[in-house]
Amino acid sequence: MARYTAAVCRLCRRSGEKLMLKGSRCLTPKCALDRRGKPPGQQFGRRRRRISDRGFQLREKQKARYTYGLMEKQFRRLFAQAEKQSGITGENLLVLLERRLDNVVYRLGFADSRSQARQLIQHGHILLNGRKTDIPSCLVKEDDVISWKASSTKTGYYQQVVQNIPAKSVLSWLSLDKENLVGRVLSLPTPDDIDAKFEGKTIVEYYSR
């Protein structure tokens, strides 16, 4: 499967805001957006131009893609699924993005970023309802349980998670047993539960043209 392999800090600089693509590093002075602040590429002689409506729509769509680590084809497929559901398409899209297993693993604090969460899942460290799954894109449902494979609890990474988990907080639609590192989906997320950095309505407008 195609995957973005260039420096992810360029994506934050291109978007003009922190998308937390490197986890806790984004909150340190090492953050490229704080150090440079300008979009990537040659700046000499570049004039600031007013962004068009179409350009703004594209930027919001790209922010959503970058945040959740999806390629265009994956994102377009998820948007088509959101369109088929009843309700507001933009809100449906946001809920589908949040329900991805890699996002839930990240939200539970098992990983510092969504890309790290994808690695954990692909390497077989995470169990969904007691079964190993290596598909980061699978969608969780209400009452699903996310836990660790028994052999993975002996790794150094797991011990590091155990040390850091007390300081973590989870969103209201999830619960976390911090002693056993077991998460549960209490309910499906709503747009109000999610701190989105992009506007779903604008993404709908982008694909509607």
N, C-alpha and C. Protein backbone atom coordinates (compact mmCIF):
# COMPACT_ATOMS: atom_id res chain seq x y z
N MET A 1 0.84 -1.19 0.00
CA MET A 1 0.00 0.00 0.00
C MET A 1 0.88 1.25 0.00
N ALA A 2 0.48 2.25 -0.78
CA ALA A 2 1.24 3.49 -0.83
C ALA A 2 1.19 4.19 0.52
N ARG A 3 2.27 4.84 0.86
CA ARG A 3 2.35 5.53 2.14
C ARG A 3 3.25 6.74 2.00
N TYR A 4 2.89 7.85 2.66
CA TYR A 4 3.72 9.04 2.65
C TYR A 4 4.99 8.76 3.45
N THR A 5 6.15 8.97 2.83
CA THR A 5 7.42 8.61 3.48
C THR A 5 8.35 9.81 3.67
N ALA A 6 7.96 11.00 3.21
CA ALA A 6 8.81 12.18 3.39
C ALA A 6 8.66 12.70 4.82
N ALA A 7 9.37 13.79 5.13
CA ALA A 7 9.34 14.36 6.48
C ALA A 7 7.94 14.86 6.81
N VAL A 8 7.34 14.34 7.88
CA VAL A 8 5.96 14.72 8.21
C VAL A 8 5.88 16.15 8.73
N CYS A 9 6.99 16.69 9.22
CA CYS A 9 6.96 18.08 9.70
C CYS A 9 6.66 19.05 8.56
N ARG A 10 6.97 18.66 7.35
CA ARG A 10 6.64 19.51 6.20
C ARG A 10 5.12 19.65 6.04
N LEU A 11 4.39 18.62 6.44
CA LEU A 11 2.94 18.66 6.32
C LEU A 11 2.34 19.68 7.29
N CYS A 12 2.89 19.75 8.50
CA CYS A 12 2.42 20.75 9.47
C CYS A 12 2.75 22.15 8.98
N ARG A 13 3.94 22.32 8.44
CA ARG A 13 4.33 23.64 7.93
C ARG A 13 3.47 24.04 6.74
N ARG A 14 3.13 23.07 5.91
CA ARG A 14 2.27 23.36 4.76
C ARG A 14 0.87 23.73 5.21
N SER A 15 0.38 23.08 6.28
CA SER A 15 -0.97 23.36 6.78
C SER A 15 -1.02 24.63 7.61
N GLY A 16 0.13 25.02 8.16
CA GLY A 16 0.17 26.24 8.98
C GLY A 16 -0.24 26.03 10.42
N GLU A 17 -0.35 24.79 10.87
CA GLU A 17 -0.66 24.52 12.26
C GLU A 17 -0.19 23.12 12.65
N LYS A 18 -0.09 22.90 13.97
CA LYS A 18 0.39 21.61 14.45
C LYS A 18 -0.68 20.55 14.29
N LEU A 19 -0.33 19.47 13.60
CA LEU A 19 -1.24 18.34 13.41
C LEU A 19 -0.86 17.16 14.30
N MET A 20 0.13 17.35 15.17
CA MET A 20 0.57 16.34 16.13
C MET A 20 0.97 15.04 15.45
N LEU A 21 1.70 15.17 14.34
CA LEU A 21 2.11 13.99 13.57
C LEU A 21 3.31 13.28 14.19
N LYS A 22 4.02 13.96 15.12
CA LYS A 22 5.15 13.34 15.81
C LYS A 22 4.92 13.24 17.31
N GLY A 23 3.65 13.27 17.70
CA GLY A 23 3.31 13.08 19.10
C GLY A 23 3.88 14.14 20.00
N SER A 24 4.49 13.73 21.11
CA SER A 24 4.98 14.66 22.12
C SER A 24 6.09 15.57 21.61
N ARG A 25 6.80 15.16 20.57
CA ARG A 25 7.85 16.01 20.01
C ARG A 25 7.28 17.35 19.52
N CYS A 26 6.01 17.32 19.08
CA CYS A 26 5.38 18.53 18.57
C CYS A 26 5.20 19.58 19.65
N LEU A 27 5.29 19.18 20.92
CA LEU A 27 5.11 20.12 22.04
C LEU A 27 6.44 20.61 22.59
N THR A 28 7.54 20.23 21.95
CA THR A 28 8.87 20.63 22.40
C THR A 28 9.45 21.70 21.48
N PRO A 29 10.56 22.33 21.87
CA PRO A 29 11.21 23.33 21.00
C PRO A 29 11.73 22.74 19.70
N LYS A 30 11.75 21.41 19.57
CA LYS A 30 12.23 20.78 18.34
C LYS A 30 11.20 20.84 17.22
N CYS A 31 9.98 21.24 17.54
CA CYS A 31 8.91 21.30 16.54
C CYS A 31 9.32 22.20 15.38
N ALA A 32 9.28 21.65 14.16
CA ALA A 32 9.71 22.40 12.97
C ALA A 32 8.82 23.61 12.71
N LEU A 33 7.54 23.51 13.06
CA LEU A 33 6.64 24.65 12.83
C LEU A 33 7.01 25.82 13.72
N ASP A 34 7.41 25.53 14.96
CA ASP A 34 7.84 26.60 15.87
C ASP A 34 9.18 27.18 15.45
N ARG A 35 10.08 26.31 14.97
CA ARG A 35 11.42 26.77 14.62
C ARG A 35 11.44 27.55 13.30
N ARG A 36 10.66 27.10 12.33
CA ARG A 36 10.71 27.73 11.01
C ARG A 36 9.48 28.58 10.72
N GLY A 37 8.32 28.01 10.97
CA GLY A 37 7.10 28.79 10.83
C GLY A 37 6.62 29.06 9.42
N LYS A 38 7.47 28.84 8.43
CA LYS A 38 7.10 29.12 7.05
C LYS A 38 6.78 27.83 6.30
N PRO A 39 6.00 27.92 5.23
CA PRO A 39 5.73 26.72 4.42
C PRO A 39 7.01 26.19 3.82
N PRO A 40 7.10 24.90 3.50
CA PRO A 40 8.31 24.36 2.87
C PRO A 40 8.49 24.91 1.47
N GLY A 41 9.72 24.87 0.99
CA GLY A 41 9.99 25.35 -0.36
C GLY A 41 10.72 26.69 -0.36
N GLN A 42 11.10 27.14 -1.54
CA GLN A 42 11.84 28.38 -1.71
C GLN A 42 10.98 29.58 -1.34
N GLN A 43 11.47 30.42 -0.44
CA GLN A 43 10.71 31.59 0.02
C GLN A 43 11.14 32.89 -0.66
N PHE A 44 12.33 32.89 -1.26
CA PHE A 44 12.87 34.13 -1.82
C PHE A 44 11.97 34.65 -2.95
N GLY A 45 11.56 35.89 -2.82
CA GLY A 45 10.78 36.51 -3.87
C GLY A 45 9.33 36.06 -3.93
N ARG A 46 8.91 35.24 -2.98
CA ARG A 46 7.53 34.74 -3.01
C ARG A 46 6.59 35.79 -2.42
N ARG A 47 5.52 36.10 -3.15
CA ARG A 47 4.53 37.05 -2.66
C ARG A 47 3.38 36.31 -1.99
N ARG A 48 2.88 36.93 -0.94
CA ARG A 48 1.74 36.34 -0.27
C ARG A 48 0.49 36.65 -1.06
N ARG A 49 -0.21 35.61 -1.47
CA ARG A 49 -1.44 35.81 -2.23
C ARG A 49 -2.65 35.35 -1.42
N ARG A 50 -3.75 36.01 -1.69
CA ARG A 50 -4.99 35.63 -1.00
C ARG A 50 -5.41 34.24 -1.49
N ILE A 51 -5.71 33.38 -0.53
CA ILE A 51 -6.10 32.02 -0.88
C ILE A 51 -7.54 32.02 -1.40
N SER A 52 -7.79 31.31 -2.48
CA SER A 52 -9.12 31.25 -3.07
C SER A 52 -10.01 30.31 -2.25
N ASP A 53 -11.33 30.35 -2.53
CA ASP A 53 -12.24 29.45 -1.84
C ASP A 53 -11.87 27.99 -2.12
N ARG A 54 -11.52 27.72 -3.38
CA ARG A 54 -11.12 26.37 -3.75
C ARG A 54 -9.84 25.96 -3.03
N GLY A 55 -8.92 26.90 -2.91
CA GLY A 55 -7.67 26.62 -2.22
C GLY A 55 -7.90 26.35 -0.74
N PHE A 56 -8.83 27.09 -0.13
CA PHE A 56 -9.16 26.86 1.28
C PHE A 56 -9.79 25.49 1.47
N GLN A 57 -10.68 25.11 0.55
CA GLN A 57 -11.31 23.79 0.63
C GLN A 57 -10.27 22.68 0.51
N LEU A 58 -9.33 22.86 -0.41
CA LEU A 58 -8.27 21.87 -0.58
C LEU A 58 -7.42 21.77 0.67
N ARG A 59 -7.11 22.91 1.27
CA ARG A 59 -6.26 22.91 2.47
C ARG A 59 -6.94 22.17 3.62
N GLU A 60 -8.25 22.37 3.79
CA GLU A 60 -8.98 21.68 4.86
C GLU A 60 -9.01 20.17 4.61
N LYS A 61 -9.22 19.80 3.34
CA LYS A 61 -9.23 18.37 3.01
C LYS A 61 -7.86 17.74 3.28
N GLN A 62 -6.80 18.45 2.89
CA GLN A 62 -5.45 17.94 3.10
C GLN A 62 -5.13 17.84 4.59
N LYS A 63 -5.60 18.80 5.38
CA LYS A 63 -5.36 18.75 6.82
C LYS A 63 -5.96 17.48 7.42
N ALA A 64 -7.18 17.15 6.99
CA ALA A 64 -7.83 15.93 7.48
C ALA A 64 -7.03 14.70 7.07
N ARG A 65 -6.59 14.67 5.82
CA ARG A 65 -5.79 13.55 5.33
C ARG A 65 -4.51 13.40 6.12
N TYR A 66 -3.79 14.52 6.29
CA TYR A 66 -2.50 14.49 7.00
C TYR A 66 -2.70 14.04 8.45
N THR A 67 -3.75 14.58 9.10
CA THR A 67 -3.98 14.28 10.51
C THR A 67 -4.16 12.79 10.75
N TYR A 68 -4.94 12.14 9.89
CA TYR A 68 -5.24 10.72 10.08
C TYR A 68 -4.34 9.81 9.26
N GLY A 69 -3.41 10.39 8.49
CA GLY A 69 -2.42 9.59 7.78
C GLY A 69 -2.97 8.77 6.63
N LEU A 70 -3.89 9.34 5.86
CA LEU A 70 -4.49 8.60 4.75
C LEU A 70 -4.01 9.14 3.41
N MET A 71 -3.89 8.25 2.44
CA MET A 71 -3.63 8.67 1.08
C MET A 71 -4.95 9.10 0.45
N GLU A 72 -4.87 9.78 -0.69
CA GLU A 72 -6.07 10.35 -1.31
C GLU A 72 -7.12 9.29 -1.63
N LYS A 73 -6.69 8.16 -2.17
CA LYS A 73 -7.64 7.12 -2.54
C LYS A 73 -8.37 6.58 -1.32
N GLN A 74 -7.66 6.37 -0.22
CA GLN A 74 -8.28 5.90 1.02
C GLN A 74 -9.28 6.92 1.54
N PHE A 75 -8.87 8.19 1.51
CA PHE A 75 -9.71 9.25 2.04
C PHE A 75 -10.99 9.39 1.21
N ARG A 76 -10.82 9.32 -0.12
CA ARG A 76 -11.99 9.46 -1.00
C ARG A 76 -12.97 8.31 -0.79
N ARG A 77 -12.46 7.12 -0.53
CA ARG A 77 -13.31 5.96 -0.28
C ARG A 77 -14.11 6.15 1.01
N LEU A 78 -13.45 6.69 2.04
CA LEU A 78 -14.13 6.93 3.31
C LEU A 78 -15.19 8.03 3.16
N PHE A 79 -14.87 9.03 2.33
CA PHE A 79 -15.84 10.09 2.08
C PHE A 79 -17.08 9.54 1.38
N ALA A 80 -16.88 8.65 0.42
CA ALA A 80 -18.00 8.02 -0.28
C ALA A 80 -18.88 7.24 0.70
N GLN A 81 -18.24 6.59 1.66
CA GLN A 81 -18.99 5.85 2.68
C GLN A 81 -19.81 6.81 3.54
N ALA A 82 -19.23 7.96 3.88
CA ALA A 82 -19.93 8.97 4.69
C ALA A 82 -21.13 9.54 3.94
N GLU A 83 -20.99 9.67 2.62
CA GLU A 83 -22.08 10.20 1.80
C GLU A 83 -23.29 9.27 1.80
N LYS A 84 -23.06 7.98 1.86
CA LYS A 84 -24.14 7.00 1.79
C LYS A 84 -24.92 6.92 3.11
N GLN A 85 -24.33 7.38 4.19
CA GLN A 85 -25.00 7.31 5.49
C GLN A 85 -26.01 8.45 5.64
N SER A 86 -27.01 8.25 6.46
CA SER A 86 -27.96 9.31 6.73
C SER A 86 -27.32 10.36 7.64
N GLY A 87 -27.80 11.58 7.56
CA GLY A 87 -27.24 12.64 8.39
C GLY A 87 -26.36 13.57 7.59
N ILE A 88 -25.54 14.34 8.29
CA ILE A 88 -24.67 15.34 7.68
C ILE A 88 -23.36 14.68 7.25
N THR A 89 -23.04 14.77 5.98
CA THR A 89 -21.87 14.06 5.43
C THR A 89 -20.58 14.44 6.13
N GLY A 90 -20.36 15.72 6.38
CA GLY A 90 -19.12 16.16 7.03
C GLY A 90 -18.95 15.56 8.41
N GLU A 91 -20.05 15.50 9.17
CA GLU A 91 -19.99 14.91 10.51
C GLU A 91 -19.81 13.39 10.42
N ASN A 92 -20.48 12.78 9.44
CA ASN A 92 -20.30 11.34 9.25
C ASN A 92 -18.84 11.00 8.95
N LEU A 93 -18.20 11.83 8.13
CA LEU A 93 -16.80 11.60 7.77
C LEU A 93 -15.91 11.67 9.00
N LEU A 94 -16.13 12.68 9.83
CA LEU A 94 -15.31 12.83 11.04
C LEU A 94 -15.47 11.64 11.97
N VAL A 95 -16.69 11.16 12.11
CA VAL A 95 -16.94 10.00 12.98
C VAL A 95 -16.26 8.75 12.42
N LEU A 96 -16.32 8.55 11.11
CA LEU A 96 -15.66 7.39 10.50
C LEU A 96 -14.15 7.45 10.69
N LEU A 97 -13.58 8.63 10.56
CA LEU A 97 -12.13 8.79 10.78
C LEU A 97 -11.76 8.44 12.22
N GLU A 98 -12.58 8.88 13.15
CA GLU A 98 -12.30 8.62 14.57
C GLU A 98 -12.45 7.15 14.92
N ARG A 99 -13.31 6.45 14.18
CA ARG A 99 -13.57 5.04 14.50
C ARG A 99 -12.48 4.10 13.97
N ARG A 100 -11.56 4.60 13.20
CA ARG A 100 -10.46 3.76 12.72
C ARG A 100 -9.67 3.21 13.92
N LEU A 101 -9.27 1.95 13.84
CA LEU A 101 -8.58 1.32 14.97
C LEU A 101 -7.27 2.04 15.30
N ASP A 102 -6.52 2.48 14.28
CA ASP A 102 -5.26 3.16 14.58
C ASP A 102 -5.51 4.45 15.35
N ASN A 103 -6.60 5.16 15.04
CA ASN A 103 -6.92 6.37 15.77
C ASN A 103 -7.31 6.07 17.21
N VAL A 104 -8.08 4.98 17.41
CA VAL A 104 -8.51 4.62 18.76
C VAL A 104 -7.31 4.23 19.62
N VAL A 105 -6.38 3.47 19.05
CA VAL A 105 -5.16 3.10 19.79
C VAL A 105 -4.39 4.36 20.19
N TYR A 106 -4.34 5.33 19.30
CA TYR A 106 -3.69 6.61 19.61
C TYR A 106 -4.47 7.37 20.69
N ARG A 107 -5.78 7.43 20.57
CA ARG A 107 -6.62 8.14 21.54
C ARG A 107 -6.54 7.53 22.93
N LEU A 108 -6.31 6.21 23.00
CA LEU A 108 -6.19 5.55 24.30
C LEU A 108 -4.85 5.80 24.97
N GLY A 109 -3.91 6.38 24.23
CA GLY A 109 -2.60 6.66 24.79
C GLY A 109 -1.60 5.53 24.64
N PHE A 110 -1.94 4.52 23.83
CA PHE A 110 -1.02 3.41 23.60
C PHE A 110 0.10 3.80 22.64
N ALA A 111 -0.06 4.91 21.95
CA ALA A 111 0.94 5.40 21.00
C ALA A 111 0.97 6.92 21.05
N ASP A 112 2.11 7.50 20.71
CA ASP A 112 2.25 8.96 20.74
C ASP A 112 1.72 9.61 19.47
N SER A 113 1.52 8.83 18.42
CA SER A 113 1.02 9.38 17.17
C SER A 113 0.22 8.29 16.45
N ARG A 114 -0.55 8.69 15.47
CA ARG A 114 -1.33 7.71 14.71
C ARG A 114 -0.44 6.81 13.87
N SER A 115 0.66 7.33 13.37
CA SER A 115 1.58 6.49 12.59
C SER A 115 2.21 5.42 13.48
N GLN A 116 2.52 5.78 14.72
CA GLN A 116 3.06 4.78 15.66
C GLN A 116 1.99 3.75 16.00
N ALA A 117 0.74 4.20 16.12
CA ALA A 117 -0.36 3.27 16.39
C ALA A 117 -0.52 2.29 15.23
N ARG A 118 -0.38 2.77 14.00
CA ARG A 118 -0.48 1.87 12.84
C ARG A 118 0.60 0.79 12.89
N GLN A 119 1.80 1.18 13.31
CA GLN A 119 2.89 0.20 13.42
C GLN A 119 2.56 -0.87 14.45
N LEU A 120 2.04 -0.45 15.59
CA LEU A 120 1.69 -1.41 16.64
C LEU A 120 0.68 -2.44 16.13
N ILE A 121 -0.30 -1.94 15.39
CA ILE A 121 -1.34 -2.83 14.88
C ILE A 121 -0.78 -3.76 13.80
N GLN A 122 -0.04 -3.20 12.87
CA GLN A 122 0.50 -4.00 11.77
C GLN A 122 1.49 -5.06 12.26
N HIS A 123 2.14 -4.80 13.38
CA HIS A 123 3.09 -5.77 13.93
C HIS A 123 2.42 -6.77 14.88
N GLY A 124 1.11 -6.67 15.02
CA GLY A 124 0.37 -7.67 15.77
C GLY A 124 0.36 -7.52 17.28
N HIS A 125 0.66 -6.32 17.79
CA HIS A 125 0.70 -6.12 19.25
C HIS A 125 -0.67 -5.87 19.86
N ILE A 126 -1.64 -5.48 19.05
CA ILE A 126 -2.95 -5.05 19.56
C ILE A 126 -4.02 -6.10 19.27
N LEU A 127 -4.89 -6.32 20.27
CA LEU A 127 -6.02 -7.23 20.13
C LEU A 127 -7.32 -6.44 20.09
N LEU A 128 -8.22 -6.85 19.22
CA LEU A 128 -9.56 -6.25 19.16
C LEU A 128 -10.55 -7.34 19.55
N ASN A 129 -11.20 -7.14 20.68
CA ASN A 129 -12.13 -8.15 21.22
C ASN A 129 -11.44 -9.51 21.39
N GLY A 130 -10.18 -9.46 21.84
CA GLY A 130 -9.44 -10.68 22.13
C GLY A 130 -8.78 -11.33 20.94
N ARG A 131 -8.94 -10.76 19.75
CA ARG A 131 -8.36 -11.34 18.55
C ARG A 131 -7.33 -10.39 17.93
N LYS A 132 -6.24 -10.94 17.46
CA LYS A 132 -5.22 -10.12 16.83
C LYS A 132 -5.73 -9.61 15.49
N THR A 133 -5.49 -8.34 15.23
CA THR A 133 -5.82 -7.77 13.93
C THR A 133 -4.66 -6.92 13.47
N ASP A 134 -4.36 -6.99 12.18
CA ASP A 134 -3.26 -6.18 11.64
C ASP A 134 -3.79 -5.18 10.60
N ILE A 135 -5.06 -4.78 10.77
CA ILE A 135 -5.70 -3.85 9.83
C ILE A 135 -5.98 -2.53 10.55
N PRO A 136 -5.13 -1.53 10.40
CA PRO A 136 -5.33 -0.25 11.11
C PRO A 136 -6.62 0.47 10.72
N SER A 137 -7.13 0.20 9.51
CA SER A 137 -8.30 0.93 9.02
C SER A 137 -9.63 0.35 9.46
N CYS A 138 -9.63 -0.79 10.14
CA CYS A 138 -10.91 -1.38 10.53
C CYS A 138 -11.64 -0.45 11.51
N LEU A 139 -12.95 -0.40 11.43
CA LEU A 139 -13.75 0.52 12.23
C LEU A 139 -14.26 -0.16 13.50
N VAL A 140 -14.04 0.48 14.63
CA VAL A 140 -14.50 -0.07 15.90
C VAL A 140 -15.99 0.19 16.06
N LYS A 141 -16.63 -0.61 16.91
CA LYS A 141 -18.05 -0.47 17.20
C LYS A 141 -18.23 -0.29 18.71
N GLU A 142 -19.43 0.07 19.09
CA GLU A 142 -19.74 0.23 20.51
C GLU A 142 -19.49 -1.08 21.24
N ASP A 143 -18.88 -0.99 22.42
CA ASP A 143 -18.54 -2.12 23.30
C ASP A 143 -17.34 -2.92 22.83
N ASP A 144 -16.67 -2.51 21.76
CA ASP A 144 -15.43 -3.18 21.37
C ASP A 144 -14.36 -2.96 22.44
N VAL A 145 -13.51 -3.97 22.62
CA VAL A 145 -12.43 -3.92 23.62
C VAL A 145 -11.09 -3.97 22.91
N ILE A 146 -10.21 -3.04 23.28
CA ILE A 146 -8.88 -2.95 22.68
C ILE A 146 -7.86 -3.25 23.77
N SER A 147 -7.03 -4.26 23.54
CA SER A 147 -6.05 -4.66 24.55
C SER A 147 -4.74 -5.05 23.87
N TRP A 148 -3.79 -5.53 24.67
CA TRP A 148 -2.47 -5.91 24.17
C TRP A 148 -2.33 -7.43 24.11
N LYS A 149 -1.59 -7.89 23.14
CA LYS A 149 -1.25 -9.32 23.08
C LYS A 149 -0.36 -9.66 24.27
N ALA A 150 -0.56 -10.81 24.84
CA ALA A 150 0.15 -11.19 26.07
C ALA A 150 1.66 -11.08 25.92
N SER A 151 2.21 -11.58 24.81
CA SER A 151 3.66 -11.53 24.62
C SER A 151 4.18 -10.10 24.47
N SER A 152 3.32 -9.18 24.02
CA SER A 152 3.74 -7.80 23.81
C SER A 152 3.89 -7.05 25.13
N THR A 153 3.27 -7.58 26.19
CA THR A 153 3.36 -6.90 27.49
C THR A 153 4.74 -7.07 28.13
N LYS A 154 5.59 -7.89 27.51
CA LYS A 154 6.94 -8.10 28.04
C LYS A 154 7.97 -7.21 27.36
N THR A 155 7.53 -6.42 26.39
CA THR A 155 8.47 -5.59 25.64
C THR A 155 8.80 -4.31 26.40
N GLY A 156 9.93 -3.71 26.03
CA GLY A 156 10.34 -2.45 26.63
C GLY A 156 9.37 -1.33 26.30
N TYR A 157 8.82 -1.38 25.09
CA TYR A 157 7.87 -0.33 24.70
C TYR A 157 6.63 -0.35 25.59
N TYR A 158 6.13 -1.55 25.87
CA TYR A 158 4.94 -1.67 26.71
C TYR A 158 5.22 -1.11 28.11
N GLN A 159 6.40 -1.41 28.66
CA GLN A 159 6.75 -0.89 29.98
C GLN A 159 6.81 0.64 29.98
N GLN A 160 7.24 1.19 28.86
CA GLN A 160 7.27 2.65 28.74
C GLN A 160 5.85 3.22 28.72
N VAL A 161 4.94 2.53 28.03
CA VAL A 161 3.54 2.95 27.99
C VAL A 161 2.95 2.91 29.40
N VAL A 162 3.27 1.85 30.16
CA VAL A 162 2.77 1.70 31.52
C VAL A 162 3.20 2.89 32.38
N GLN A 163 4.43 3.35 32.21
CA GLN A 163 4.94 4.48 32.99
C GLN A 163 4.28 5.79 32.61
N ASN A 164 3.94 5.94 31.33
CA ASN A 164 3.40 7.22 30.85
C ASN A 164 1.88 7.31 30.91
N ILE A 165 1.21 6.16 31.02
CA ILE A 165 -0.25 6.15 30.91
C ILE A 165 -0.97 6.91 32.02
N PRO A 166 -0.43 7.00 33.26
CA PRO A 166 -1.17 7.75 34.30
C PRO A 166 -1.43 9.21 33.93
N ALA A 167 -0.56 9.78 33.12
CA ALA A 167 -0.72 11.19 32.75
C ALA A 167 -1.64 11.37 31.55
N LYS A 168 -2.10 10.28 30.96
CA LYS A 168 -2.94 10.35 29.76
C LYS A 168 -4.41 10.51 30.14
N SER A 169 -5.14 11.18 29.29
CA SER A 169 -6.59 11.28 29.45
C SER A 169 -7.24 10.83 28.15
N VAL A 170 -8.43 10.28 28.24
CA VAL A 170 -9.12 9.77 27.05
C VAL A 170 -10.41 10.55 26.83
N LEU A 171 -10.90 10.51 25.61
CA LEU A 171 -12.13 11.21 25.27
C LEU A 171 -13.33 10.50 25.91
N SER A 172 -14.44 11.22 25.99
CA SER A 172 -15.60 10.72 26.73
C SER A 172 -16.23 9.47 26.13
N TRP A 173 -16.01 9.22 24.85
CA TRP A 173 -16.62 8.04 24.22
C TRP A 173 -15.78 6.78 24.39
N LEU A 174 -14.63 6.93 25.08
CA LEU A 174 -13.75 5.79 25.36
C LEU A 174 -13.54 5.67 26.86
N SER A 175 -13.19 4.46 27.30
CA SER A 175 -12.77 4.26 28.69
C SER A 175 -11.46 3.49 28.68
N LEU A 176 -10.67 3.67 29.72
CA LEU A 176 -9.36 3.02 29.79
C LEU A 176 -9.08 2.52 31.19
N ASP A 177 -8.80 1.23 31.28
CA ASP A 177 -8.32 0.61 32.52
C ASP A 177 -6.81 0.80 32.53
N LYS A 178 -6.34 1.77 33.32
CA LYS A 178 -4.92 2.13 33.28
C LYS A 178 -4.03 1.10 33.95
N GLU A 179 -4.58 0.25 34.79
CA GLU A 179 -3.78 -0.79 35.43
C GLU A 179 -3.48 -1.93 34.47
N ASN A 180 -4.48 -2.32 33.68
CA ASN A 180 -4.31 -3.45 32.76
C ASN A 180 -4.13 -3.02 31.31
N LEU A 181 -4.22 -1.71 31.06
CA LEU A 181 -4.10 -1.16 29.71
C LEU A 181 -5.09 -1.81 28.75
N VAL A 182 -6.35 -1.74 29.15
CA VAL A 182 -7.45 -2.25 28.33
C VAL A 182 -8.41 -1.10 28.07
N GLY A 183 -8.70 -0.85 26.81
CA GLY A 183 -9.62 0.21 26.45
C GLY A 183 -10.95 -0.35 25.97
N ARG A 184 -11.99 0.45 26.08
CA ARG A 184 -13.32 0.04 25.63
C ARG A 184 -14.00 1.21 24.93
N VAL A 185 -14.76 0.88 23.89
CA VAL A 185 -15.54 1.89 23.18
C VAL A 185 -16.89 1.98 23.87
N LEU A 186 -17.13 3.06 24.61
CA LEU A 186 -18.38 3.21 25.34
C LEU A 186 -19.54 3.54 24.42
N SER A 187 -19.27 4.33 23.41
CA SER A 187 -20.29 4.73 22.44
C SER A 187 -19.58 5.22 21.19
N LEU A 188 -20.31 5.36 20.11
CA LEU A 188 -19.71 5.93 18.91
C LEU A 188 -19.49 7.42 19.14
N PRO A 189 -18.39 7.96 18.61
CA PRO A 189 -18.09 9.38 18.85
C PRO A 189 -19.08 10.29 18.13
N THR A 190 -19.24 11.48 18.66
CA THR A 190 -20.01 12.53 18.00
C THR A 190 -19.04 13.66 17.66
N PRO A 191 -19.38 14.53 16.73
CA PRO A 191 -18.49 15.64 16.37
C PRO A 191 -18.10 16.49 17.58
N ASP A 192 -18.99 16.60 18.57
CA ASP A 192 -18.68 17.41 19.76
C ASP A 192 -17.60 16.76 20.63
N ASP A 193 -17.41 15.45 20.46
CA ASP A 193 -16.41 14.72 21.27
C ASP A 193 -15.00 14.87 20.71
N ILE A 194 -14.89 15.42 19.51
CA ILE A 194 -13.63 15.35 18.77
C ILE A 194 -13.06 16.75 18.56
N ASP A 195 -11.77 16.90 18.84
CA ASP A 195 -11.10 18.20 18.66
C ASP A 195 -10.54 18.29 17.24
N ALA A 196 -11.42 18.38 16.27
CA ALA A 196 -11.00 18.39 14.87
C ALA A 196 -10.31 19.71 14.52
N LYS A 197 -9.26 19.61 13.70
CA LYS A 197 -8.51 20.79 13.25
C LYS A 197 -8.91 21.20 11.84
N PHE A 198 -10.03 20.67 11.37
CA PHE A 198 -10.48 20.97 10.02
C PHE A 198 -12.01 21.01 10.02
N GLU A 199 -12.58 21.55 8.96
CA GLU A 199 -14.02 21.69 8.86
C GLU A 199 -14.59 20.66 7.90
N GLY A 200 -15.43 19.78 8.41
CA GLY A 200 -16.02 18.74 7.57
C GLY A 200 -16.88 19.32 6.46
N LYS A 201 -17.58 20.41 6.75
CA LYS A 201 -18.44 21.04 5.75
C LYS A 201 -17.63 21.50 4.55
N THR A 202 -16.43 22.02 4.80
CA THR A 202 -15.58 22.51 3.72
C THR A 202 -15.09 21.36 2.85
N ILE A 203 -14.83 20.20 3.46
CA ILE A 203 -14.40 19.03 2.69
C ILE A 203 -15.53 18.55 1.78
N VAL A 204 -16.76 18.61 2.27
CA VAL A 204 -17.92 18.24 1.45
C VAL A 204 -18.01 19.19 0.25
N GLU A 205 -17.78 20.46 0.48
CA GLU A 205 -17.83 21.44 -0.60
C GLU A 205 -16.73 21.16 -1.63
N TYR A 206 -15.57 20.73 -1.16
CA TYR A 206 -14.46 20.42 -2.08
C TYR A 206 -14.83 19.29 -3.03
N TYR A 207 -15.39 18.22 -2.49
CA TYR A 207 -15.72 17.05 -3.31
C TYR A 207 -17.01 17.25 -4.11
N SER A 208 -17.78 18.26 -3.78
CA SER A 208 -19.05 18.49 -4.48
C SER A 208 -18.85 19.22 -5.81
N ARG A 209 -17.67 19.76 -6.04
CA ARG A 209 -17.43 20.54 -7.27
C ARG A 209 -16.96 19.66 -8.41
